[in-house]
Amino acid sequence: MDLRKKLLAQRKGKSTKRPAKWEGPIPKRFNKMSIHEMQIWMRNQLKDGPPGTPKMGGHEIRWNELKGNIGRRITVESDPPGRIFQREGREKWIRSQGSMSRAATNSLSFDMEKVGKNMALTDKLDDLFGKIYSQYNRQTYGDLSDQEKCQKRWEMGKKLTEIYESEEHLSKDVLFKELEQLARGLEIAGFTIYRYRYDCKLYFLSQDAGDSHPIFTIDKPEFLQYLCEISTGNYSGRSYSELSSMEAQDTRKRFERLLNQCLGDGVFAKIEQKELEKIVKSPYAELVATNGSLTESQAAEMHQYIQQDQLEEE
């Protein structure tokens, strides 16, 4: 179907669709709900449309303020924008075509070629989110082995990086925000901007990983977040995407040195996640990233440093 026919087809049957919007008093049941549960309830009212920011009297109100305003009227529209269509007796939210690209470029063009690109980008991102939701949610992720979890995060970072690098008007931040918003109100949580950023950073640091790369053998996937921070810590304040080729190569070498020390008899192999979290900004982590390991005396000092920190907390 060419673009003109597709646009005309969308205009037909106006009586079978309505704006994706809910208006009414804040339900009493919200008193016993978390913010996530409120958003799940609202998504059901929008027939699976991601709920946007609530509005009261034309002004935005935070989700955590709803409990203090029980009974007052609010309006919640889907975000991204869309309509609720009725098909065979069932209502279903469908987002507006091109809404993603318009948000990314902050402009609306009636150029037919641009409209076509907007619609194609919208379809691509909806398809991407469908795959993320089915393959990458906490439920299926929790069933994976530790090594499979590492590989899944790496694969997701690769997929997201390839998409934002291939789209001229799609920035990394806009992509992450859109994916997070599409997930708002879903019963399975965990699709956050922070998680997507971390996955892309993980891929950046190990994008040439082969089957034998330490990232696919490590049994402590929860460490990866901290290893990424240590690896890029010497370029603090700068995005990893702004690094020169030599600087990027340096961060990747630092990352691999750290990974190797999480395996076998490495200095990080027997410490806990909370302990690694405490030394992320310490000289010991920097030494491992720079030199590849610690001397016996430095390793002893590191463990003493961790124990002293724990005693101070107690």
Protein backbone atom coordinates (compact mmCIF):
# COMPACT_ATOMS: atom_id res chain seq x y z
CA MET A 1 0.00 0.00 0.00
CA ASP A 2 1.48 3.37 -0.99
CA LEU A 3 1.65 6.26 1.48
CA ARG A 4 -1.40 8.11 0.15
CA LYS A 5 -3.63 5.04 0.38
CA LYS A 6 -2.35 4.30 3.87
CA LEU A 7 -3.19 7.83 5.07
CA LEU A 8 -6.66 7.67 3.51
CA ALA A 9 -7.30 4.29 5.10
CA GLN A 10 -6.52 5.74 8.52
CA ARG A 11 -9.15 8.45 8.05
CA LYS A 12 -11.96 5.98 7.52
CA GLY A 13 -14.24 4.83 10.27
CA LYS A 14 -13.97 7.83 12.58
CA SER A 15 -16.89 6.50 14.61
CA THR A 16 -14.78 3.49 15.65
CA LYS A 17 -12.15 5.52 17.47
CA ARG A 18 -11.98 8.02 20.29
CA PRO A 19 -9.24 10.06 21.97
CA ALA A 20 -7.02 8.09 24.36
CA LYS A 21 -8.00 10.10 27.41
CA TRP A 22 -9.47 9.39 30.85
CA GLU A 23 -11.35 12.02 32.85
CA GLY A 24 -12.86 11.61 36.29
CA PRO A 25 -12.40 11.92 40.05
CA ILE A 26 -9.29 10.35 41.56
CA PRO A 27 -10.51 6.93 42.81
CA LYS A 28 -10.46 6.16 46.56
CA ARG A 29 -8.60 2.93 45.77
CA PHE A 30 -5.51 5.03 44.98
CA ASN A 31 -5.05 5.48 48.76
CA LYS A 32 -3.85 1.87 48.97
CA MET A 33 -1.86 1.82 45.74
CA SER A 34 1.77 2.49 44.88
CA ILE A 35 2.56 4.83 41.98
CA HIS A 36 3.25 1.81 39.79
CA GLU A 37 -0.15 0.29 40.68
CA MET A 38 -1.89 3.60 39.89
CA GLN A 39 -0.23 3.65 36.49
CA ILE A 40 -1.27 0.04 35.83
CA TRP A 41 -4.89 0.96 36.66
CA MET A 42 -4.75 4.02 34.42
CA ARG A 43 -3.21 2.06 31.56
CA ASN A 44 -6.19 -0.31 31.74
CA GLN A 45 -8.55 2.68 31.41
CA LEU A 46 -6.62 3.79 28.33
CA LYS A 47 -6.94 0.30 26.80
CA ASP A 48 -3.19 -0.34 27.06
CA GLY A 49 -2.14 3.22 26.24
CA PRO A 50 0.86 4.41 28.30
CA PRO A 51 -0.48 7.04 30.74
CA GLY A 52 1.03 10.50 30.54
CA THR A 53 1.34 13.04 33.36
CA PRO A 54 -2.00 13.64 35.15
CA LYS A 55 -3.53 17.11 34.87
CA MET A 56 -5.82 18.86 37.34
CA GLY A 57 -7.51 22.05 36.27
CA GLY A 58 -5.21 22.24 33.26
CA HIS A 59 -2.06 22.02 35.38
CA GLU A 60 0.20 18.98 35.68
CA ILE A 61 0.18 17.08 38.95
CA ARG A 62 2.67 14.43 40.06
CA TRP A 63 1.61 10.84 40.57
CA ASN A 64 2.72 10.96 44.19
CA GLU A 65 0.34 13.90 44.78
CA LEU A 66 -2.78 12.02 43.72
CA LYS A 67 -3.39 10.44 47.15
CA GLY A 68 -3.69 13.91 48.68
CA ASN A 69 -6.37 14.87 46.17
CA ILE A 70 -8.75 11.88 46.26
CA GLY A 71 -12.10 12.78 44.70
CA ARG A 72 -10.84 15.74 42.68
CA ARG A 73 -11.13 15.51 38.91
CA ILE A 74 -8.11 14.83 36.76
CA THR A 75 -7.40 14.18 33.10
CA VAL A 76 -4.84 11.64 31.89
CA GLU A 77 -4.01 11.28 28.19
CA SER A 78 -1.83 8.66 26.59
CA ASP A 79 1.80 9.54 26.03
CA PRO A 80 2.80 8.99 23.21
CA PRO A 81 -0.44 10.43 21.81
CA GLY A 82 -2.90 8.00 20.33
CA ARG A 83 -6.52 6.93 19.97
CA ILE A 84 -8.61 4.05 21.19
CA PHE A 85 -9.95 1.96 18.31
CA GLN A 86 -12.78 -0.53 18.49
CA ARG A 87 -12.19 -3.73 16.56
CA GLU A 88 -14.59 -6.66 16.70
CA GLY A 89 -16.08 -5.53 19.98
CA ARG A 90 -12.71 -4.95 21.64
CA GLU A 91 -11.04 -1.60 22.33
CA LYS A 92 -7.32 -1.16 21.77
CA TRP A 93 -4.97 1.81 22.06
CA ILE A 94 -3.02 2.66 18.90
CA ARG A 95 -0.48 5.45 18.93
CA SER A 96 -0.55 8.33 16.47
CA GLN A 97 1.64 7.72 13.42
CA GLY A 98 4.83 9.73 13.37
CA SER A 99 4.50 10.96 16.96
CA MET A 100 7.98 9.72 17.85
CA SER A 101 9.77 11.51 15.06
CA ARG A 102 7.88 14.76 15.66
CA ALA A 103 8.94 14.65 19.30
CA ALA A 104 12.53 14.00 18.27
CA THR A 105 12.74 16.84 15.75
CA ASN A 106 10.34 19.21 17.54
CA SER A 107 8.79 20.10 14.23
CA LEU A 108 5.83 19.04 12.11
CA SER A 109 6.28 18.93 8.37
CA PHE A 110 3.64 18.21 5.77
CA ASP A 111 6.28 17.12 3.30
CA MET A 112 5.02 13.69 2.20
CA GLU A 113 8.50 12.18 2.16
CA LYS A 114 9.14 13.32 5.73
CA VAL A 115 5.71 12.11 6.83
CA GLY A 116 6.56 8.72 5.40
CA LYS A 117 9.86 8.63 7.31
CA ASN A 118 8.08 9.62 10.51
CA MET A 119 5.58 6.80 10.12
CA ALA A 120 8.33 4.30 9.35
CA LEU A 121 10.28 5.37 12.45
CA THR A 122 7.18 5.07 14.63
CA ASP A 123 6.55 1.55 13.34
CA LYS A 124 10.19 0.60 13.89
CA LEU A 125 10.17 1.78 17.50
CA ASP A 126 6.86 0.12 18.31
CA ASP A 127 8.23 -3.12 16.88
CA LEU A 128 11.43 -2.70 18.88
CA PHE A 129 9.53 -2.17 22.11
CA GLY A 130 7.40 -5.23 21.44
CA LYS A 131 10.58 -7.31 21.21
CA ILE A 132 12.09 -5.72 24.30
CA TYR A 133 8.93 -6.36 26.31
CA SER A 134 8.71 -10.00 25.27
CA GLN A 135 12.41 -10.90 25.48
CA TYR A 136 13.89 -8.52 28.02
CA ASN A 137 11.41 -8.18 30.85
CA ARG A 138 12.32 -8.99 34.45
CA GLN A 139 10.33 -12.20 34.40
CA THR A 140 12.21 -13.82 31.50
CA TYR A 141 15.48 -12.12 32.47
CA GLY A 142 15.27 -13.67 35.94
CA ASP A 143 15.14 -17.17 34.45
CA LEU A 144 18.49 -16.76 32.68
CA SER A 145 21.84 -17.97 33.97
CA ASP A 146 24.30 -15.30 35.09
CA GLN A 147 26.29 -15.64 31.86
CA GLU A 148 23.10 -15.40 29.78
CA LYS A 149 22.11 -12.24 31.65
CA CYS A 150 25.42 -10.61 30.73
CA GLN A 151 24.96 -11.55 27.10
CA LYS A 152 21.35 -10.32 27.04
CA ARG A 153 22.38 -6.89 28.36
CA TRP A 154 25.19 -6.71 25.78
CA GLU A 155 22.81 -7.71 22.96
CA MET A 156 20.28 -5.07 24.02
CA GLY A 157 22.97 -2.39 24.11
CA LYS A 158 24.04 -3.41 20.60
CA LYS A 159 20.48 -3.26 19.26
CA LEU A 160 19.74 0.16 20.79
CA THR A 161 23.08 1.60 19.62
CA GLU A 162 22.49 0.44 16.04
CA ILE A 163 19.05 2.07 15.98
CA TYR A 164 19.96 5.53 17.25
CA GLU A 165 23.11 5.62 15.10
CA SER A 166 21.14 4.74 11.97
CA GLU A 167 18.38 7.37 12.44
CA GLU A 168 19.40 10.90 11.52
CA HIS A 169 16.87 12.67 13.76
CA LEU A 170 16.76 10.22 16.66
CA SER A 171 19.01 10.97 19.62
CA LYS A 172 19.98 8.48 22.27
CA ASP A 173 18.11 10.36 25.01
CA VAL A 174 14.90 10.65 22.98
CA LEU A 175 15.01 6.94 22.17
CA PHE A 176 15.46 5.94 25.82
CA LYS A 177 12.72 8.30 26.99
CA GLU A 178 10.31 6.95 24.38
CA LEU A 179 10.97 3.31 25.32
CA GLU A 180 10.56 4.09 29.01
CA GLN A 181 7.28 5.90 28.36
CA LEU A 182 5.90 3.05 26.25
CA ALA A 183 6.42 0.80 29.28
CA ARG A 184 4.66 3.02 31.82
CA GLY A 185 1.83 1.16 33.49
CA LEU A 186 2.88 -2.32 32.43
CA GLU A 187 2.66 -4.94 35.18
CA ILE A 188 6.23 -6.07 34.50
CA ALA A 189 8.51 -3.19 35.49
CA GLY A 190 12.19 -2.46 34.87
CA PHE A 191 12.16 -0.77 31.45
CA THR A 192 13.93 2.44 32.48
CA ILE A 193 16.11 5.09 30.87
CA TYR A 194 18.86 4.21 33.34
CA ARG A 195 18.84 0.57 32.28
CA TYR A 196 18.99 1.40 28.57
CA ARG A 197 21.88 3.83 29.10
CA TYR A 198 23.81 1.23 31.03
CA ASP A 199 23.24 -1.43 28.36
CA CYS A 200 24.57 0.88 25.64
CA LYS A 201 27.59 1.79 27.76
CA LEU A 202 28.27 -1.89 28.36
CA TYR A 203 28.15 -2.53 24.61
CA PHE A 204 30.40 0.46 23.91
CA LEU A 205 33.05 -0.92 26.26
CA SER A 206 33.00 -4.41 24.75
CA GLN A 207 31.54 -4.00 21.26
CA ASP A 208 34.14 -6.25 19.63
CA ALA A 209 33.55 -9.05 22.15
CA GLY A 210 34.05 -12.56 20.79
CA ASP A 211 32.79 -15.81 22.30
CA SER A 212 35.76 -16.00 24.67
CA HIS A 213 35.43 -12.44 25.99
CA PRO A 214 35.26 -12.31 29.82
CA ILE A 215 31.86 -10.59 29.64
CA PHE A 216 30.31 -13.88 28.52
CA THR A 217 31.95 -15.96 31.26
CA ILE A 218 31.61 -13.75 34.33
CA ASP A 219 29.19 -15.11 36.95
CA LYS A 220 28.55 -11.75 38.62
CA PRO A 221 26.40 -9.74 36.19
CA GLU A 222 25.48 -7.29 38.96
CA PHE A 223 29.15 -6.14 38.93
CA LEU A 224 28.99 -4.87 35.36
CA GLN A 225 27.37 -1.57 36.26
CA TYR A 226 30.23 -0.69 38.62
CA LEU A 227 32.91 -1.88 36.22
CA CYS A 228 31.49 0.46 33.57
CA GLU A 229 31.71 3.36 36.03
CA ILE A 230 35.31 2.55 36.95
CA SER A 231 36.33 2.14 33.31
CA THR A 232 35.14 5.59 32.30
CA GLY A 233 35.92 7.27 35.62
CA ASN A 234 39.13 8.88 34.31
CA TYR A 235 36.98 10.79 31.79
CA SER A 236 34.52 12.02 34.40
CA GLY A 237 32.09 14.66 33.18
CA ARG A 238 32.30 13.58 29.54
CA SER A 239 29.98 11.28 27.70
CA TYR A 240 31.67 8.11 26.44
CA SER A 241 30.30 8.91 22.97
CA GLU A 242 32.46 12.07 22.96
CA LEU A 243 35.73 10.22 23.53
CA SER A 244 38.38 10.10 20.82
CA SER A 245 39.26 6.74 19.28
CA MET A 246 42.36 6.49 21.50
CA GLU A 247 40.41 7.37 24.63
CA ALA A 248 37.71 4.85 23.74
CA GLN A 249 40.35 2.18 23.26
CA ASP A 250 41.78 3.05 26.67
CA THR A 251 38.40 2.70 28.42
CA ARG A 252 37.84 -0.69 26.76
CA LYS A 253 41.23 -1.94 27.97
CA ARG A 254 40.41 -0.72 31.47
CA PHE A 255 37.07 -2.50 31.35
CA GLU A 256 38.64 -5.79 30.25
CA ARG A 257 41.28 -5.59 33.00
CA LEU A 258 38.51 -5.15 35.56
CA LEU A 259 36.48 -8.03 34.13
CA ASN A 260 39.46 -10.36 34.33
CA GLN A 261 39.84 -9.57 38.02
CA CYS A 262 36.28 -10.82 38.62
CA LEU A 263 37.24 -14.30 37.40
CA GLY A 264 39.20 -17.15 39.00
CA ASP A 265 41.57 -15.82 41.67
CA GLY A 266 41.08 -12.17 40.69
CA VAL A 267 41.03 -9.51 43.40
CA PHE A 268 37.29 -8.87 42.81
CA ALA A 269 36.31 -12.53 42.44
CA LYS A 270 35.45 -13.11 46.11
CA ILE A 271 34.07 -9.75 47.18
CA GLU A 272 30.37 -8.91 47.38
CA GLN A 273 28.41 -6.44 45.29
CA LYS A 274 28.08 -3.96 48.17
CA GLU A 275 31.82 -4.10 48.73
CA LEU A 276 32.60 -3.35 45.09
CA GLU A 277 30.06 -0.53 45.19
CA LYS A 278 32.01 1.04 48.06
CA ILE A 279 35.36 1.01 46.24
CA VAL A 280 34.15 2.19 42.83
CA LYS A 281 35.67 5.64 43.44
CA SER A 282 38.64 4.39 45.46
CA PRO A 283 42.34 4.28 44.43
CA TYR A 284 42.16 0.47 44.51
CA ALA A 285 39.63 0.29 41.69
CA GLU A 286 41.66 2.80 39.68
CA LEU A 287 44.82 0.74 40.17
CA VAL A 288 43.13 -2.42 38.90
CA ALA A 289 41.73 -0.59 35.86
CA THR A 290 45.14 0.92 35.06
CA ASN A 291 47.56 -1.90 35.93
CA GLY A 292 45.36 -4.96 35.62
CA SER A 293 45.71 -6.12 39.22
CA LEU A 294 46.90 -5.25 42.74
CA THR A 295 50.00 -6.33 44.59
CA GLU A 296 49.45 -8.56 47.61
CA SER A 297 49.93 -5.62 49.97
CA GLN A 298 47.53 -3.44 47.97
CA ALA A 299 44.92 -6.22 47.97
CA ALA A 300 45.29 -6.55 51.75
CA GLU A 301 44.90 -2.79 52.14
CA MET A 302 41.76 -2.89 49.99
CA HIS A 303 40.13 -5.55 52.16
CA GLN A 304 41.10 -3.64 55.28
CA TYR A 305 39.58 -0.51 53.75
CA ILE A 306 36.32 -2.39 53.11
CA GLN A 307 36.21 -3.78 56.66
CA GLN A 308 36.86 -0.38 58.23
CA ASP A 309 34.07 1.11 56.19
CA GLN A 310 31.71 -1.61 57.38
CA LEU A 311 32.67 -1.07 61.04
CA GLU A 312 32.02 2.67 60.71
CA GLU A 313 28.53 1.96 59.36
CA GLU A 314 27.76 -0.39 62.27
